């Protein structure tokens, strides 16, 4: 018997519609192969700290924003976990903190995911859009195949 093409899929989850489409695709694929599924969402604490260092935000605001981002990302992860459960796919949800691409690549390596799934983005926006830039870095640095779902 031929082993499945992929054994562990990691999907990046954020607040975007593209991310939701990517999660739906990753769930279907994990169910069909079958493969393990990990959904990762990242709270960008690095940008918050930079905003504090240039005095755009004060420490209390950083903590408030960080808490709200954690709640928001956790809701997105819970939604993806529920979608997976309904599809009969077991999904591990991971909330990371720090620089998005670093946290995602760390999770990929730590969990030995052999496929990463990202929501589509416009490469022309990578200089202006933080999410697009982070997605591009993941594409550039990922040691495994990356599937971009538009």
N, C-alpha and C. Protein backbone atom coordinates (compact mmCIF):
# COMPACT_ATOMS: atom_id res chain seq x y z
N UNK A 1 0.84 -1.18 0.00
CA UNK A 1 0.00 0.00 0.00
C UNK A 1 0.89 1.25 0.00
N UNK A 2 0.54 2.21 -0.81
CA UNK A 2 1.29 3.45 -0.90
C UNK A 2 0.93 4.36 0.27
N UNK A 3 1.93 4.90 0.98
CA UNK A 3 1.62 5.81 2.09
C UNK A 3 0.98 7.10 1.56
N UNK A 4 0.20 7.77 2.38
CA UNK A 4 -0.43 9.01 1.92
C UNK A 4 0.63 10.05 1.55
N UNK A 5 0.25 10.91 0.64
CA UNK A 5 1.18 11.94 0.19
C UNK A 5 1.57 12.86 1.34
N UNK A 6 0.63 13.14 2.21
CA UNK A 6 0.89 14.01 3.36
C UNK A 6 0.30 13.37 4.60
N UNK A 7 1.03 13.47 5.68
CA UNK A 7 0.57 12.88 6.94
C UNK A 7 0.13 13.92 7.96
N UNK A 8 0.64 15.15 7.82
CA UNK A 8 0.31 16.20 8.81
C UNK A 8 0.20 17.54 8.10
N UNK A 9 -0.98 18.11 8.15
CA UNK A 9 -1.27 19.38 7.50
C UNK A 9 -1.36 20.47 8.56
N UNK A 10 -0.69 21.58 8.30
CA UNK A 10 -0.78 22.75 9.18
C UNK A 10 -1.45 23.86 8.39
N UNK A 11 -2.49 24.46 8.95
CA UNK A 11 -3.19 25.55 8.28
C UNK A 11 -3.09 26.81 9.14
N UNK A 12 -2.78 27.93 8.49
CA UNK A 12 -2.70 29.21 9.18
C UNK A 12 -4.09 29.83 9.21
N UNK A 13 -4.54 30.19 10.41
CA UNK A 13 -5.88 30.74 10.61
C UNK A 13 -5.77 32.18 11.08
N UNK A 14 -6.45 33.08 10.38
CA UNK A 14 -6.54 34.46 10.84
C UNK A 14 -7.97 34.95 10.59
N UNK A 15 -8.18 36.22 10.58
CA UNK A 15 -9.54 36.77 10.47
C UNK A 15 -10.02 36.92 9.02
N UNK A 16 -9.22 36.51 8.05
CA UNK A 16 -9.57 36.77 6.65
C UNK A 16 -10.48 35.69 6.07
N UNK A 17 -11.23 36.08 5.03
CA UNK A 17 -12.05 35.12 4.29
C UNK A 17 -11.17 34.07 3.63
N UNK A 18 -10.03 34.50 3.11
CA UNK A 18 -9.11 33.56 2.46
C UNK A 18 -8.63 32.50 3.46
N UNK A 19 -8.41 32.89 4.68
CA UNK A 19 -7.99 31.95 5.72
C UNK A 19 -9.09 30.93 5.99
N UNK A 20 -10.33 31.37 6.00
CA UNK A 20 -11.45 30.46 6.22
C UNK A 20 -11.55 29.45 5.07
N UNK A 21 -11.38 29.93 3.83
CA UNK A 21 -11.38 29.01 2.68
C UNK A 21 -10.23 28.01 2.78
N UNK A 22 -9.07 28.49 3.22
CA UNK A 22 -7.91 27.60 3.38
C UNK A 22 -8.20 26.54 4.44
N UNK A 23 -8.81 26.95 5.53
CA UNK A 23 -9.14 26.00 6.61
C UNK A 23 -10.14 24.96 6.11
N UNK A 24 -11.16 25.41 5.37
CA UNK A 24 -12.15 24.47 4.83
C UNK A 24 -11.47 23.45 3.91
N UNK A 25 -10.57 23.92 3.07
CA UNK A 25 -9.85 23.04 2.16
C UNK A 25 -8.97 22.06 2.94
N UNK A 26 -8.24 22.57 3.92
CA UNK A 26 -7.35 21.73 4.72
C UNK A 26 -8.13 20.64 5.46
N UNK A 27 -9.30 20.99 5.95
CA UNK A 27 -10.15 20.01 6.64
C UNK A 27 -10.58 18.91 5.68
N UNK A 28 -11.06 19.31 4.51
CA UNK A 28 -11.48 18.30 3.51
C UNK A 28 -10.30 17.40 3.12
N UNK A 29 -9.15 18.01 2.87
CA UNK A 29 -7.98 17.25 2.47
C UNK A 29 -7.54 16.29 3.57
N UNK A 30 -7.51 16.77 4.81
CA UNK A 30 -7.12 15.92 5.94
C UNK A 30 -8.07 14.74 6.07
N UNK A 31 -9.34 14.97 5.83
CA UNK A 31 -10.31 13.88 5.91
C UNK A 31 -10.15 12.87 4.80
N UNK A 32 -9.79 13.32 3.62
CA UNK A 32 -9.66 12.43 2.47
C UNK A 32 -8.37 11.60 2.51
N UNK A 33 -7.30 12.13 3.04
CA UNK A 33 -6.01 11.43 2.93
C UNK A 33 -5.93 10.13 3.72
N UNK A 34 -6.18 9.95 4.92
CA UNK A 34 -6.34 10.89 6.03
C UNK A 34 -4.99 11.42 6.52
N UNK A 35 -5.05 12.58 7.15
CA UNK A 35 -3.86 13.22 7.71
C UNK A 35 -4.23 13.93 9.00
N UNK A 36 -3.24 14.13 9.84
CA UNK A 36 -3.45 14.95 11.04
C UNK A 36 -3.58 16.40 10.61
N UNK A 37 -4.29 17.19 11.39
CA UNK A 37 -4.49 18.60 11.07
C UNK A 37 -4.19 19.45 12.30
N UNK A 38 -3.40 20.49 12.06
CA UNK A 38 -3.11 21.48 13.10
C UNK A 38 -3.47 22.84 12.55
N UNK A 39 -4.30 23.58 13.29
CA UNK A 39 -4.65 24.95 12.93
C UNK A 39 -3.84 25.88 13.83
N UNK A 40 -3.13 26.82 13.21
CA UNK A 40 -2.28 27.75 13.96
C UNK A 40 -2.75 29.17 13.71
N UNK A 41 -2.84 29.92 14.78
CA UNK A 41 -3.14 31.34 14.71
C UNK A 41 -2.10 32.06 15.57
N UNK A 42 -1.73 33.27 15.15
CA UNK A 42 -0.64 33.96 15.83
C UNK A 42 -1.07 35.36 16.25
N UNK A 43 -0.81 35.69 17.50
CA UNK A 43 -0.99 37.05 18.00
C UNK A 43 0.32 37.78 17.77
N UNK A 44 0.27 38.82 16.97
CA UNK A 44 1.48 39.54 16.56
C UNK A 44 1.94 40.49 17.66
N UNK A 45 2.57 39.92 18.68
CA UNK A 45 3.06 40.73 19.80
C UNK A 45 4.26 41.58 19.40
N UNK A 46 4.98 41.16 18.38
CA UNK A 46 6.14 41.91 17.92
C UNK A 46 5.75 43.31 17.44
N UNK A 47 4.71 43.39 16.63
CA UNK A 47 4.26 44.70 16.13
C UNK A 47 3.75 45.56 17.28
N UNK A 48 3.03 44.95 18.23
CA UNK A 48 2.55 45.72 19.38
C UNK A 48 3.73 46.30 20.17
N UNK A 49 4.77 45.51 20.36
CA UNK A 49 5.94 46.00 21.11
C UNK A 49 6.64 47.14 20.34
N UNK A 50 6.70 47.01 19.02
CA UNK A 50 7.30 48.08 18.22
C UNK A 50 6.49 49.36 18.32
N UNK A 51 5.17 49.25 18.32
CA UNK A 51 4.32 50.44 18.47
C UNK A 51 4.52 51.09 19.83
N UNK A 52 4.78 50.28 20.84
CA UNK A 52 5.05 50.84 22.16
C UNK A 52 6.43 51.50 22.18
N UNK A 53 7.41 50.91 21.51
CA UNK A 53 8.76 51.46 21.54
C UNK A 53 8.86 52.82 20.85
N UNK A 54 7.98 53.07 19.89
CA UNK A 54 7.98 54.39 19.22
C UNK A 54 6.89 55.29 19.78
N UNK A 55 6.35 54.89 20.90
CA UNK A 55 5.40 55.68 21.69
C UNK A 55 4.08 55.97 20.97
N UNK A 56 3.68 55.05 20.10
CA UNK A 56 2.34 55.15 19.51
C UNK A 56 1.33 54.56 20.47
N UNK A 57 1.75 53.51 21.18
CA UNK A 57 0.93 52.89 22.21
C UNK A 57 1.68 52.92 23.53
N UNK A 58 0.91 52.96 24.61
CA UNK A 58 1.51 52.83 25.94
C UNK A 58 1.34 51.38 26.38
N UNK A 59 2.05 51.00 27.41
CA UNK A 59 2.08 49.61 27.84
C UNK A 59 0.69 49.05 28.13
N UNK A 60 -0.15 49.82 28.78
CA UNK A 60 -1.50 49.35 29.09
C UNK A 60 -2.28 49.06 27.80
N UNK A 61 -2.14 49.92 26.80
CA UNK A 61 -2.82 49.70 25.52
C UNK A 61 -2.31 48.44 24.84
N UNK A 62 -1.01 48.21 24.92
CA UNK A 62 -0.43 47.00 24.34
C UNK A 62 -1.05 45.77 24.98
N UNK A 63 -1.15 45.76 26.30
CA UNK A 63 -1.74 44.61 27.00
C UNK A 63 -3.21 44.43 26.62
N UNK A 64 -3.94 45.53 26.49
CA UNK A 64 -5.35 45.45 26.10
C UNK A 64 -5.49 44.91 24.67
N UNK A 65 -4.69 45.43 23.75
CA UNK A 65 -4.74 44.95 22.37
C UNK A 65 -4.35 43.47 22.30
N UNK A 66 -3.32 43.11 23.04
CA UNK A 66 -2.87 41.72 23.03
C UNK A 66 -3.97 40.79 23.55
N UNK A 67 -4.63 41.18 24.61
CA UNK A 67 -5.72 40.36 25.16
C UNK A 67 -6.87 40.24 24.16
N UNK A 68 -7.21 41.33 23.51
CA UNK A 68 -8.29 41.29 22.52
C UNK A 68 -7.90 40.43 21.32
N UNK A 69 -6.65 40.55 20.88
CA UNK A 69 -6.19 39.71 19.77
C UNK A 69 -6.21 38.23 20.15
N UNK A 70 -5.83 37.92 21.38
CA UNK A 70 -5.87 36.52 21.84
C UNK A 70 -7.29 35.99 21.81
N UNK A 71 -8.25 36.79 22.31
CA UNK A 71 -9.66 36.37 22.29
C UNK A 71 -10.14 36.16 20.86
N UNK A 72 -9.80 37.09 19.99
CA UNK A 72 -10.23 37.02 18.60
C UNK A 72 -9.64 35.79 17.90
N UNK A 73 -8.34 35.59 18.04
CA UNK A 73 -7.69 34.45 17.38
C UNK A 73 -8.20 33.13 17.95
N UNK A 74 -8.47 33.09 19.24
CA UNK A 74 -9.02 31.89 19.85
C UNK A 74 -10.40 31.58 19.29
N UNK A 75 -11.22 32.61 19.06
CA UNK A 75 -12.53 32.39 18.44
C UNK A 75 -12.38 31.80 17.04
N UNK A 76 -11.42 32.31 16.27
CA UNK A 76 -11.20 31.77 14.92
C UNK A 76 -10.74 30.32 14.98
N UNK A 77 -9.84 30.02 15.90
CA UNK A 77 -9.38 28.64 16.06
C UNK A 77 -10.52 27.72 16.49
N UNK A 78 -11.36 28.19 17.41
CA UNK A 78 -12.50 27.40 17.86
C UNK A 78 -13.44 27.11 16.69
N UNK A 79 -13.66 28.11 15.84
CA UNK A 79 -14.53 27.94 14.67
C UNK A 79 -13.98 26.86 13.74
N UNK A 80 -12.68 26.92 13.47
CA UNK A 80 -12.05 25.92 12.60
C UNK A 80 -12.12 24.54 13.25
N UNK A 81 -11.89 24.46 14.54
CA UNK A 81 -11.98 23.18 15.25
C UNK A 81 -13.38 22.59 15.15
N UNK A 82 -14.40 23.44 15.27
CA UNK A 82 -15.79 22.97 15.15
C UNK A 82 -16.08 22.49 13.74
N UNK A 83 -15.58 23.21 12.72
CA UNK A 83 -15.76 22.78 11.34
C UNK A 83 -15.12 21.41 11.14
N UNK A 84 -13.93 21.23 11.68
CA UNK A 84 -13.22 19.96 11.53
C UNK A 84 -13.98 18.84 12.24
N UNK A 85 -14.45 19.11 13.44
CA UNK A 85 -15.19 18.11 14.20
C UNK A 85 -16.43 17.66 13.42
N UNK A 86 -17.15 18.61 12.82
CA UNK A 86 -18.34 18.28 12.03
C UNK A 86 -17.99 17.42 10.82
N UNK A 87 -16.77 17.60 10.30
CA UNK A 87 -16.32 16.82 9.14
C UNK A 87 -15.67 15.51 9.56
N UNK A 88 -15.62 15.23 10.87
CA UNK A 88 -15.02 14.00 11.36
C UNK A 88 -13.50 14.02 11.35
N UNK A 89 -12.91 15.22 11.37
CA UNK A 89 -11.46 15.37 11.34
C UNK A 89 -11.00 15.91 12.68
N UNK A 90 -10.02 15.26 13.26
CA UNK A 90 -9.45 15.75 14.51
C UNK A 90 -8.50 16.90 14.20
N UNK A 91 -8.65 17.99 14.92
CA UNK A 91 -7.85 19.19 14.66
C UNK A 91 -7.27 19.72 15.97
N UNK A 92 -5.97 19.88 15.98
CA UNK A 92 -5.31 20.49 17.13
C UNK A 92 -5.19 21.98 16.86
N UNK A 93 -5.62 22.80 17.79
CA UNK A 93 -5.56 24.26 17.65
C UNK A 93 -4.39 24.79 18.48
N UNK A 94 -3.60 25.67 17.85
CA UNK A 94 -2.42 26.23 18.51
C UNK A 94 -2.46 27.74 18.37
N UNK A 95 -2.37 28.43 19.50
CA UNK A 95 -2.29 29.89 19.51
C UNK A 95 -0.86 30.29 19.80
N UNK A 96 -0.20 30.89 18.81
CA UNK A 96 1.17 31.33 18.99
C UNK A 96 1.24 32.83 19.23
N UNK A 97 2.41 33.27 19.65
CA UNK A 97 2.65 34.70 19.87
C UNK A 97 3.99 35.06 19.28
N UNK A 98 4.11 36.32 18.85
CA UNK A 98 5.37 36.79 18.31
C UNK A 98 5.23 37.22 16.87
N UNK A 99 6.28 37.04 16.10
CA UNK A 99 6.27 37.34 14.67
C UNK A 99 5.57 36.17 13.98
N UNK A 100 4.58 36.47 13.15
CA UNK A 100 3.75 35.43 12.55
C UNK A 100 4.57 34.37 11.84
N UNK A 101 5.41 34.76 10.90
CA UNK A 101 6.12 33.74 10.12
C UNK A 101 7.03 32.89 11.01
N UNK A 102 7.65 33.50 12.00
CA UNK A 102 8.52 32.73 12.90
C UNK A 102 7.72 31.72 13.70
N UNK A 103 6.57 32.14 14.23
CA UNK A 103 5.74 31.24 15.02
C UNK A 103 5.19 30.10 14.18
N UNK A 104 4.75 30.41 12.95
CA UNK A 104 4.20 29.37 12.08
C UNK A 104 5.28 28.38 11.67
N UNK A 105 6.42 28.88 11.27
CA UNK A 105 7.51 27.99 10.87
C UNK A 105 8.02 27.15 12.04
N UNK A 106 8.01 27.72 13.24
CA UNK A 106 8.39 26.97 14.44
C UNK A 106 7.41 25.81 14.65
N UNK A 107 6.11 26.09 14.55
CA UNK A 107 5.10 25.04 14.74
C UNK A 107 5.22 23.97 13.67
N UNK A 108 5.48 24.38 12.44
CA UNK A 108 5.64 23.41 11.35
C UNK A 108 6.78 22.45 11.67
N UNK A 109 7.88 23.01 12.11
CA UNK A 109 9.06 22.19 12.41
C UNK A 109 8.81 21.31 13.65
N UNK A 110 8.27 21.90 14.69
CA UNK A 110 8.04 21.17 15.94
C UNK A 110 7.07 20.01 15.75
N UNK A 111 6.07 20.20 14.89
CA UNK A 111 5.04 19.18 14.69
C UNK A 111 5.32 18.30 13.47
N UNK A 112 6.40 18.63 12.76
CA UNK A 112 6.79 17.87 11.57
C UNK A 112 5.66 17.83 10.53
N UNK A 113 4.99 18.96 10.37
CA UNK A 113 3.95 19.04 9.34
C UNK A 113 4.62 18.97 7.97
N UNK A 114 4.05 18.18 7.08
CA UNK A 114 4.66 18.03 5.76
C UNK A 114 3.90 18.76 4.66
N UNK A 115 2.86 19.53 5.05
CA UNK A 115 2.15 20.41 4.12
C UNK A 115 1.61 21.58 4.92
N UNK A 116 1.79 22.79 4.39
CA UNK A 116 1.22 23.97 5.01
C UNK A 116 0.18 24.54 4.04
N UNK A 117 -0.94 25.02 4.60
CA UNK A 117 -2.01 25.59 3.79
C UNK A 117 -2.23 27.03 4.26
N UNK A 118 -2.19 27.95 3.31
CA UNK A 118 -2.38 29.38 3.59
C UNK A 118 -3.53 29.91 2.75
N UNK A 119 -4.19 30.94 3.28
CA UNK A 119 -5.17 31.66 2.47
C UNK A 119 -4.45 32.53 1.45
N UNK A 120 -5.09 32.74 0.32
CA UNK A 120 -4.50 33.54 -0.74
C UNK A 120 -4.27 34.98 -0.31
N UNK A 121 -3.34 35.63 -0.99
CA UNK A 121 -3.00 37.02 -0.71
C UNK A 121 -2.44 37.61 -1.99
N UNK A 122 -2.35 38.92 -2.03
CA UNK A 122 -1.81 39.61 -3.20
C UNK A 122 -0.35 39.96 -2.94
N UNK A 123 0.53 39.37 -3.73
CA UNK A 123 1.96 39.62 -3.52
C UNK A 123 2.32 41.08 -3.76
N UNK A 124 1.50 41.79 -4.53
CA UNK A 124 1.78 43.20 -4.78
C UNK A 124 1.62 44.04 -3.52
N UNK A 125 0.96 43.48 -2.50
CA UNK A 125 0.73 44.22 -1.26
C UNK A 125 1.76 43.90 -0.17
N UNK A 126 2.75 43.09 -0.48
CA UNK A 126 3.66 42.63 0.58
C UNK A 126 4.48 43.75 1.21
N UNK A 127 4.59 44.88 0.56
CA UNK A 127 5.33 45.99 1.18
C UNK A 127 4.43 46.83 2.08
N UNK A 128 3.11 46.76 1.86
CA UNK A 128 2.18 47.59 2.62
C UNK A 128 1.33 46.81 3.62
N UNK A 129 1.08 45.55 3.35
CA UNK A 129 0.16 44.75 4.14
C UNK A 129 0.95 43.74 4.97
N UNK A 130 0.85 43.86 6.29
CA UNK A 130 1.62 43.00 7.19
C UNK A 130 1.30 41.52 6.97
N UNK A 131 0.01 41.18 6.84
CA UNK A 131 -0.36 39.78 6.64
C UNK A 131 0.21 39.24 5.34
N UNK A 132 0.12 40.01 4.27
CA UNK A 132 0.65 39.57 2.98
C UNK A 132 2.17 39.36 3.08
N UNK A 133 2.85 40.27 3.75
CA UNK A 133 4.29 40.13 3.92
C UNK A 133 4.65 38.87 4.70
N UNK A 134 3.92 38.62 5.77
CA UNK A 134 4.17 37.43 6.58
C UNK A 134 3.91 36.15 5.78
N UNK A 135 2.83 36.14 4.98
CA UNK A 135 2.54 34.98 4.14
C UNK A 135 3.66 34.75 3.13
N UNK A 136 4.16 35.84 2.55
CA UNK A 136 5.24 35.71 1.56
C UNK A 136 6.50 35.13 2.21
N UNK A 137 6.81 35.56 3.42
CA UNK A 137 7.98 35.03 4.11
C UNK A 137 7.80 33.54 4.40
N UNK A 138 6.59 33.14 4.80
CA UNK A 138 6.32 31.73 5.03
C UNK A 138 6.56 30.94 3.74
N UNK A 139 6.04 31.45 2.63
CA UNK A 139 6.27 30.79 1.34
C UNK A 139 7.75 30.67 1.03
N UNK A 140 8.48 31.74 1.27
CA UNK A 140 9.92 31.76 0.95
C UNK A 140 10.73 30.82 1.83
N UNK A 141 10.36 30.69 3.10
CA UNK A 141 11.19 29.97 4.05
C UNK A 141 10.70 28.58 4.44
N UNK A 142 9.51 28.21 4.02
CA UNK A 142 8.95 26.91 4.42
C UNK A 142 9.79 25.76 3.87
N UNK A 143 10.10 24.79 4.72
CA UNK A 143 10.88 23.64 4.27
C UNK A 143 10.02 22.54 3.64
N UNK A 144 8.70 22.77 3.58
CA UNK A 144 7.79 21.77 3.03
C UNK A 144 6.89 22.44 2.00
N UNK A 145 6.12 21.68 1.26
CA UNK A 145 5.20 22.29 0.30
C UNK A 145 4.20 23.21 1.00
N UNK A 146 3.84 24.28 0.31
CA UNK A 146 2.85 25.23 0.81
C UNK A 146 1.77 25.36 -0.26
N UNK A 147 0.54 25.13 0.16
CA UNK A 147 -0.60 25.23 -0.74
C UNK A 147 -1.32 26.53 -0.42
N UNK A 148 -1.49 27.38 -1.43
CA UNK A 148 -2.18 28.66 -1.25
C UNK A 148 -3.57 28.52 -1.84
N UNK A 149 -4.59 28.77 -1.02
CA UNK A 149 -5.97 28.64 -1.44
C UNK A 149 -6.57 30.01 -1.65
N UNK A 150 -7.02 30.27 -2.86
CA UNK A 150 -7.62 31.57 -3.18
C UNK A 150 -9.11 31.54 -2.94
